[in-house]
Amino acid sequence: MDVEGKLPKVLENTSKGKYLTTTIFVKYNYRQTSADLEDQQLLGITIIALPNGMLQDKYNPSAINSFWRAGRNAPTLGEDFRVRIGISALKSLCSWRIQHVPVPPATFTWDE
């Protein structure tokens, strides 16, 4: 589908000026270590830097050539259209936008 996002490319604050919209996701990756759902081990962190809408032509030139994937939504229940980030697709376009940070003693290396 070809659906425009709802985030503005630039946020405007009448008293402070204009701000470039920047979206960063931080995902904590855990492994469950026992039957107790609260007993988990942190494996690492994934950091995702989404491109601003001004970069639409580079990262998402069409509904077919895109890093976005269909998300779970139920239009019959009145839910908004949702998408998911295709992490491997975004990484193939620009690897630095996806960083995997392991927990010590493993070392972190910036992925260019």
C-alpha atoms as a PDB file:
ATOM      1  CA  MET A   1       0.000   0.000   0.000  1.00  0.00           C
ATOM      2  CA  ASP A   2       1.050   3.551  -0.572  1.00  0.00           C
ATOM      3  CA  VAL A   3       0.177   5.333   2.695  1.00  0.00           C
ATOM      4  CA  GLU A   4       1.842   8.522   3.883  1.00  0.00           C
ATOM      5  CA  GLY A   5       3.143   8.602   7.443  1.00  0.00           C
ATOM      6  CA  LYS A   6       1.605  10.876  10.033  1.00  0.00           C
ATOM      7  CA  LEU A   7       4.773  12.288  11.603  1.00  0.00           C
ATOM      8  CA  PRO A   8       5.667  15.732  10.280  1.00  0.00           C
ATOM      9  CA  LYS A   9       9.126  16.057   8.679  1.00  0.00           C
ATOM     10  CA  VAL A  10       9.752  19.196  10.716  1.00  0.00           C
ATOM     11  CA  LEU A  11       8.125  20.090  14.032  1.00  0.00           C
ATOM     12  CA  GLU A  12       7.410  23.773  14.482  1.00  0.00           C
ATOM     13  CA  ASN A  13       7.335  25.434  17.885  1.00  0.00           C
ATOM     14  CA  THR A  14       6.122  29.026  17.687  1.00  0.00           C
ATOM     15  CA  SER A  15       8.440  30.216  20.451  1.00  0.00           C
ATOM     16  CA  LYS A  16      11.520  28.051  19.782  1.00  0.00           C
ATOM     17  CA  GLY A  17      11.618  27.503  16.025  1.00  0.00           C
ATOM     18  CA  LYS A  18      11.795  24.427  13.825  1.00  0.00           C
ATOM     19  CA  TYR A  19      13.060  20.958  14.761  1.00  0.00           C
ATOM     20  CA  LEU A  20      13.948  18.122  12.407  1.00  0.00           C
ATOM     21  CA  THR A  21      11.866  15.071  13.324  1.00  0.00           C
ATOM     22  CA  THR A  22      14.195  12.309  14.520  1.00  0.00           C
ATOM     23  CA  THR A  23      12.959   8.845  15.478  1.00  0.00           C
ATOM     24  CA  ILE A  24      15.213   6.441  17.377  1.00  0.00           C
ATOM     25  CA  PHE A  25      14.017   3.047  18.613  1.00  0.00           C
ATOM     26  CA  VAL A  26      15.862   1.155  21.346  1.00  0.00           C
ATOM     27  CA  LYS A  27      14.920  -2.515  21.622  1.00  0.00           C
ATOM     28  CA  TYR A  28      16.117  -4.582  24.570  1.00  0.00           C
ATOM     29  CA  ASN A  29      16.707  -8.222  23.590  1.00  0.00           C
ATOM     30  CA  TYR A  30      16.128 -10.763  26.350  1.00  0.00           C
ATOM     31  CA  ARG A  31      16.225 -14.529  26.730  1.00  0.00           C
ATOM     32  CA  GLN A  32      13.879 -16.179  29.205  1.00  0.00           C
ATOM     33  CA  THR A  33      16.023 -18.283  31.534  1.00  0.00           C
ATOM     34  CA  SER A  34      13.320 -20.184  33.412  1.00  0.00           C
ATOM     35  CA  ALA A  35       9.579 -20.814  33.512  1.00  0.00           C
ATOM     36  CA  ASP A  36       9.240 -17.608  35.544  1.00  0.00           C
ATOM     37  CA  LEU A  37       8.400 -14.884  32.994  1.00  0.00           C
ATOM     38  CA  GLU A  38      10.319 -12.316  35.033  1.00  0.00           C
ATOM     39  CA  ASP A  39      13.530 -14.368  35.012  1.00  0.00           C
ATOM     40  CA  GLN A  40      15.248 -13.015  31.915  1.00  0.00           C
ATOM     41  CA  GLN A  41      18.800 -12.383  30.739  1.00  0.00           C
ATOM     42  CA  LEU A  42      19.648  -9.291  28.707  1.00  0.00           C
ATOM     43  CA  LEU A  43      21.409 -10.389  25.510  1.00  0.00           C
ATOM     44  CA  GLY A  44      21.923  -6.973  23.969  1.00  0.00           C
ATOM     45  CA  ILE A  45      20.293  -3.848  22.621  1.00  0.00           C
ATOM     46  CA  THR A  46      19.274  -3.002  19.068  1.00  0.00           C
ATOM     47  CA  ILE A  47      19.234   0.692  18.141  1.00  0.00           C
ATOM     48  CA  ILE A  48      17.332   1.778  15.031  1.00  0.00           C
ATOM     49  CA  ALA A  49      17.612   5.291  13.556  1.00  0.00           C
ATOM     50  CA  LEU A  50      14.733   5.861  11.165  1.00  0.00           C
ATOM     51  CA  PRO A  51      15.341   8.167   8.219  1.00  0.00           C
ATOM     52  CA  ASN A  52      13.403  11.435   8.230  1.00  0.00           C
ATOM     53  CA  GLY A  53      10.554  11.759   5.715  1.00  0.00           C
ATOM     54  CA  MET A  54      12.705  14.181   3.683  1.00  0.00           C
ATOM     55  CA  LEU A  55      14.712  11.102   2.654  1.00  0.00           C
ATOM     56  CA  GLN A  56      11.625   9.374   1.227  1.00  0.00           C
ATOM     57  CA  ASP A  57      13.023   9.083  -2.311  1.00  0.00           C
ATOM     58  CA  LYS A  58      16.213   7.394  -1.093  1.00  0.00           C
ATOM     59  CA  TYR A  59      14.811   4.945   1.473  1.00  0.00           C
ATOM     60  CA  ASN A  60      11.226   4.404   0.385  1.00  0.00           C
ATOM     61  CA  PRO A  61      10.812   5.333  -3.289  1.00  0.00           C
ATOM     62  CA  SER A  62       7.680   3.178  -3.712  1.00  0.00           C
ATOM     63  CA  ALA A  63       5.371   0.830  -1.824  1.00  0.00           C
ATOM     64  CA  ILE A  64       7.249  -2.091  -3.429  1.00  0.00           C
ATOM     65  CA  ASN A  65      10.802  -0.791  -2.879  1.00  0.00           C
ATOM     66  CA  SER A  66      10.657   0.005   0.834  1.00  0.00           C
ATOM     67  CA  PHE A  67      12.015  -1.030   4.223  1.00  0.00           C
ATOM     68  CA  TRP A  68       8.494  -0.829   5.675  1.00  0.00           C
ATOM     69  CA  ARG A  69       6.515  -4.041   6.119  1.00  0.00           C
ATOM     70  CA  ALA A  70       2.807  -4.545   6.776  1.00  0.00           C
ATOM     71  CA  GLY A  71       1.940  -4.496  10.450  1.00  0.00           C
ATOM     72  CA  ARG A  72      -0.889  -6.018  12.420  1.00  0.00           C
ATOM     73  CA  ASN A  73      -4.024  -3.939  12.301  1.00  0.00           C
ATOM     74  CA  ALA A  74      -7.732  -4.587  12.076  1.00  0.00           C
ATOM     75  CA  PRO A  75      -9.449  -2.048   9.823  1.00  0.00           C
ATOM     76  CA  THR A  76     -12.769  -3.788  10.566  1.00  0.00           C
ATOM     77  CA  LEU A  77     -12.298  -2.749  14.223  1.00  0.00           C
ATOM     78  CA  GLY A  78     -11.472   0.830  13.270  1.00  0.00           C
ATOM     79  CA  GLU A  79      -7.751   0.484  13.953  1.00  0.00           C
ATOM     80  CA  ASP A  80      -5.291   2.742  12.150  1.00  0.00           C
ATOM     81  CA  PHE A  81      -3.037   1.351   9.443  1.00  0.00           C
ATOM     82  CA  ARG A  82       0.216   0.066  10.994  1.00  0.00           C
ATOM     83  CA  VAL A  83       3.631  -0.813   9.656  1.00  0.00           C
ATOM     84  CA  ARG A  84       6.740  -2.572  10.924  1.00  0.00           C
ATOM     85  CA  ILE A  85      10.356  -1.830  10.190  1.00  0.00           C
ATOM     86  CA  GLY A  86      12.067  -4.367   7.947  1.00  0.00           C
ATOM     87  CA  ILE A  87      15.334  -4.297   9.897  1.00  0.00           C
ATOM     88  CA  SER A  88      17.380  -6.264   7.368  1.00  0.00           C
ATOM     89  CA  ALA A  89      15.968  -4.177   4.494  1.00  0.00           C
ATOM     90  CA  LEU A  90      16.868  -0.896   6.250  1.00  0.00           C
ATOM     91  CA  LYS A  91      20.315  -2.244   7.182  1.00  0.00           C
ATOM     92  CA  SER A  92      20.973  -3.154   3.530  1.00  0.00           C
ATOM     93  CA  LEU A  93      20.152   0.442   2.526  1.00  0.00           C
ATOM     94  CA  CYS A  94      22.280   2.078   5.230  1.00  0.00           C
ATOM     95  CA  SER A  95      23.994  -0.177   7.759  1.00  0.00           C
ATOM     96  CA  TRP A  96      24.785   2.489  10.385  1.00  0.00           C
ATOM     97  CA  ARG A  97      21.033   2.990  10.970  1.00  0.00           C
ATOM     98  CA  ILE A  98      20.894  -0.416  12.730  1.00  0.00           C
ATOM     99  CA  GLN A  99      23.329  -1.048  15.579  1.00  0.00           C
ATOM    100  CA  HIS A 100      23.446  -4.171  17.750  1.00  0.00           C
ATOM    101  CA  VAL A 101      25.045  -3.538  21.143  1.00  0.00           C
ATOM    102  CA  PRO A 102      25.979  -6.720  23.040  1.00  0.00           C
ATOM    103  CA  VAL A 103      26.273  -6.882  26.801  1.00  0.00           C
ATOM    104  CA  PRO A 104      29.761  -7.054  28.338  1.00  0.00           C
ATOM    105  CA  PRO A 105      32.151  -8.797  28.182  1.00  0.00           C
ATOM    106  CA  ALA A 106      31.388  -8.782  24.430  1.00  0.00           C
ATOM    107  CA  THR A 107      32.629  -5.610  22.775  1.00  0.00           C
ATOM    108  CA  PHE A 108      30.585  -3.206  20.687  1.00  0.00           C
ATOM    109  CA  THR A 109      31.797  -2.265  17.221  1.00  0.00           C
ATOM    110  CA  TRP A 110      30.064   0.509  15.282  1.00  0.00           C
ATOM    111  CA  ASP A 111      28.640  -0.862  12.028  1.00  0.00           C
ATOM    112  CA  GLU A 112      29.274   1.486   9.116  1.00  0.00           C
END
